[in-house]
Amino acid sequence: MQFEFEPIGITHPGWIEFYPPYNREEAFVGLDGFSHLWLIFPLENEVNQIGQSLAELARIERHKGKVKLHLKDMRLVEGTPILDIKPYLPYVDCIPDAVP
């Protein structure tokens, strides 16, 4: 089985640039209410072709109808394609007694 992914944006040091039509302001309404985001990205040469990384949302920049997300502790290489972003939800994403 083969899948094709269309990135919605790309990483830069400390921020994400979104491609049209995914860079519109209305796509980010309410996101500033979350402290952290899951970044979904493609993996090359791996059995699992999708990875995820957690980053802290520093601020949302809105300029001329476009949006950039500024992030802290983003652990992705510059130029990594972004497939999706999801808010981190502590009541769902945190399992206090999970075993590593």
C-alpha atoms as a PDB file:
ATOM      1  CA  MET A   1       0.000   0.000   0.000  1.00  0.00           C
ATOM      2  CA  GLN A   2       1.305   3.423  -0.907  1.00  0.00           C
ATOM      3  CA  PHE A   3       0.253   6.796   0.481  1.00  0.00           C
ATOM      4  CA  GLU A   4       0.862  10.277  -0.838  1.00  0.00           C
ATOM      5  CA  PHE A   5       1.098  13.215   1.531  1.00  0.00           C
ATOM      6  CA  GLU A   6       0.586  16.870   0.696  1.00  0.00           C
ATOM      7  CA  PRO A   7       2.390  19.143   3.179  1.00  0.00           C
ATOM      8  CA  ILE A   8       0.526  22.129   4.596  1.00  0.00           C
ATOM      9  CA  GLY A   9       3.730  23.930   5.547  1.00  0.00           C
ATOM     10  CA  ILE A  10       7.443  23.771   6.267  1.00  0.00           C
ATOM     11  CA  THR A  11       9.629  24.362   9.318  1.00  0.00           C
ATOM     12  CA  HIS A  12      12.099  27.177   9.796  1.00  0.00           C
ATOM     13  CA  PRO A  13      14.206  27.756  12.921  1.00  0.00           C
ATOM     14  CA  GLY A  14      11.572  28.468  15.588  1.00  0.00           C
ATOM     15  CA  TRP A  15       8.553  28.861  13.305  1.00  0.00           C
ATOM     16  CA  ILE A  16       6.351  27.205  10.698  1.00  0.00           C
ATOM     17  CA  GLU A  17       5.437  28.711   7.336  1.00  0.00           C
ATOM     18  CA  PHE A  18       2.097  27.512   5.956  1.00  0.00           C
ATOM     19  CA  TYR A  19       1.272  27.120   2.276  1.00  0.00           C
ATOM     20  CA  PRO A  20      -1.933  28.461   0.700  1.00  0.00           C
ATOM     21  CA  PRO A  21      -4.754  27.724   1.315  1.00  0.00           C
ATOM     22  CA  TYR A  22      -3.648  26.462   4.772  1.00  0.00           C
ATOM     23  CA  ASN A  23      -2.157  29.815   5.835  1.00  0.00           C
ATOM     24  CA  ARG A  24      -5.475  31.631   6.206  1.00  0.00           C
ATOM     25  CA  GLU A  25      -6.251  33.242   9.555  1.00  0.00           C
ATOM     26  CA  GLU A  26      -9.567  31.462  10.039  1.00  0.00           C
ATOM     27  CA  ALA A  27      -7.784  28.094  10.064  1.00  0.00           C
ATOM     28  CA  PHE A  28      -6.082  29.072  13.344  1.00  0.00           C
ATOM     29  CA  VAL A  29      -9.018  30.483  15.306  1.00  0.00           C
ATOM     30  CA  GLY A  30      -8.866  29.209  18.894  1.00  0.00           C
ATOM     31  CA  LEU A  31      -5.380  27.729  18.579  1.00  0.00           C
ATOM     32  CA  ASP A  32      -3.882  30.431  20.796  1.00  0.00           C
ATOM     33  CA  GLY A  33      -5.791  28.864  23.697  1.00  0.00           C
ATOM     34  CA  PHE A  34      -3.374  25.922  23.698  1.00  0.00           C
ATOM     35  CA  SER A  35       0.140  25.911  25.130  1.00  0.00           C
ATOM     36  CA  HIS A  36       1.524  23.010  23.076  1.00  0.00           C
ATOM     37  CA  LEU A  37       0.989  21.529  19.624  1.00  0.00           C
ATOM     38  CA  TRP A  38       1.619  18.178  18.010  1.00  0.00           C
ATOM     39  CA  LEU A  39       3.478  18.570  14.721  1.00  0.00           C
ATOM     40  CA  ILE A  40       2.771  15.777  12.252  1.00  0.00           C
ATOM     41  CA  PHE A  41       5.474  15.202   9.625  1.00  0.00           C
ATOM     42  CA  PRO A  42       6.618  12.538   7.116  1.00  0.00           C
ATOM     43  CA  LEU A  43       9.467  10.150   7.888  1.00  0.00           C
ATOM     44  CA  GLU A  44      11.702   8.887   5.128  1.00  0.00           C
ATOM     45  CA  ASN A  45      12.927   5.308   4.904  1.00  0.00           C
ATOM     46  CA  GLU A  46      10.916   4.163   7.911  1.00  0.00           C
ATOM     47  CA  VAL A  47       8.284   1.479   8.313  1.00  0.00           C
ATOM     48  CA  ASN A  48       5.992   4.044   9.911  1.00  0.00           C
ATOM     49  CA  GLN A  49       5.939   6.926   7.430  1.00  0.00           C
ATOM     50  CA  ILE A  50       4.455   9.498   9.812  1.00  0.00           C
ATOM     51  CA  GLY A  51       6.110  11.073  12.845  1.00  0.00           C
ATOM     52  CA  GLN A  52       4.927  13.460  15.498  1.00  0.00           C
ATOM     53  CA  SER A  53       6.754  15.924  17.698  1.00  0.00           C
ATOM     54  CA  LEU A  54       5.534  18.120  20.533  1.00  0.00           C
ATOM     55  CA  ALA A  55       6.399  21.840  20.619  1.00  0.00           C
ATOM     56  CA  GLU A  56       5.402  24.782  22.790  1.00  0.00           C
ATOM     57  CA  LEU A  57       3.363  27.469  21.057  1.00  0.00           C
ATOM     58  CA  ALA A  58       5.117  30.786  21.712  1.00  0.00           C
ATOM     59  CA  ARG A  59       2.852  33.011  19.638  1.00  0.00           C
ATOM     60  CA  ILE A  60       0.731  33.219  16.516  1.00  0.00           C
ATOM     61  CA  GLU A  61       1.770  35.891  14.033  1.00  0.00           C
ATOM     62  CA  ARG A  62      -0.969  37.239  11.799  1.00  0.00           C
ATOM     63  CA  HIS A  63       0.046  39.529   8.948  1.00  0.00           C
ATOM     64  CA  LYS A  64      -1.911  40.467   5.823  1.00  0.00           C
ATOM     65  CA  GLY A  65      -4.270  37.513   6.206  1.00  0.00           C
ATOM     66  CA  LYS A  66      -1.460  34.960   6.604  1.00  0.00           C
ATOM     67  CA  VAL A  67      -0.306  33.090   9.694  1.00  0.00           C
ATOM     68  CA  LYS A  68       3.028  31.913  11.100  1.00  0.00           C
ATOM     69  CA  LEU A  69       3.324  29.799  14.224  1.00  0.00           C
ATOM     70  CA  HIS A  70       6.300  30.629  16.442  1.00  0.00           C
ATOM     71  CA  LEU A  71       7.331  27.647  18.547  1.00  0.00           C
ATOM     72  CA  LYS A  72       9.683  26.824  21.416  1.00  0.00           C
ATOM     73  CA  ASP A  73      11.460  23.488  21.706  1.00  0.00           C
ATOM     74  CA  MET A  74      10.644  22.459  18.142  1.00  0.00           C
ATOM     75  CA  ARG A  75      12.816  19.390  17.551  1.00  0.00           C
ATOM     76  CA  LEU A  76      12.575  19.189  13.780  1.00  0.00           C
ATOM     77  CA  VAL A  77      15.224  19.905  11.164  1.00  0.00           C
ATOM     78  CA  GLU A  78      14.804  23.105   9.162  1.00  0.00           C
ATOM     79  CA  GLY A  79      12.863  22.341   5.998  1.00  0.00           C
ATOM     80  CA  THR A  80      10.823  19.486   7.473  1.00  0.00           C
ATOM     81  CA  PRO A  81       7.434  19.315   5.723  1.00  0.00           C
ATOM     82  CA  ILE A  82       4.452  19.626   8.062  1.00  0.00           C
ATOM     83  CA  LEU A  83       1.438  17.458   7.284  1.00  0.00           C
ATOM     84  CA  ASP A  84      -0.793  18.666  10.109  1.00  0.00           C
ATOM     85  CA  ILE A  85      -0.845  20.314  13.524  1.00  0.00           C
ATOM     86  CA  LYS A  86      -3.009  19.270  16.444  1.00  0.00           C
ATOM     87  CA  PRO A  87      -3.429  20.834  19.874  1.00  0.00           C
ATOM     88  CA  TYR A  88      -1.954  18.962  22.831  1.00  0.00           C
ATOM     89  CA  LEU A  89      -4.829  17.983  25.114  1.00  0.00           C
ATOM     90  CA  PRO A  90      -3.535  17.065  28.608  1.00  0.00           C
ATOM     91  CA  TYR A  91      -6.664  15.124  29.547  1.00  0.00           C
ATOM     92  CA  VAL A  92      -6.187  12.860  26.510  1.00  0.00           C
ATOM     93  CA  ASP A  93      -2.478  13.000  25.667  1.00  0.00           C
ATOM     94  CA  CYS A  94      -1.095  12.594  29.198  1.00  0.00           C
ATOM     95  CA  ILE A  95      -1.014   9.156  30.797  1.00  0.00           C
ATOM     96  CA  PRO A  96       0.605   9.706  34.232  1.00  0.00           C
ATOM     97  CA  ASP A  97       1.240   6.026  35.020  1.00  0.00           C
ATOM     98  CA  ALA A  98       2.426   5.014  31.530  1.00  0.00           C
ATOM     99  CA  VAL A  99       5.569   2.895  31.387  1.00  0.00           C
ATOM    100  CA  PRO A 100       8.352   4.025  28.995  1.00  0.00           C
END
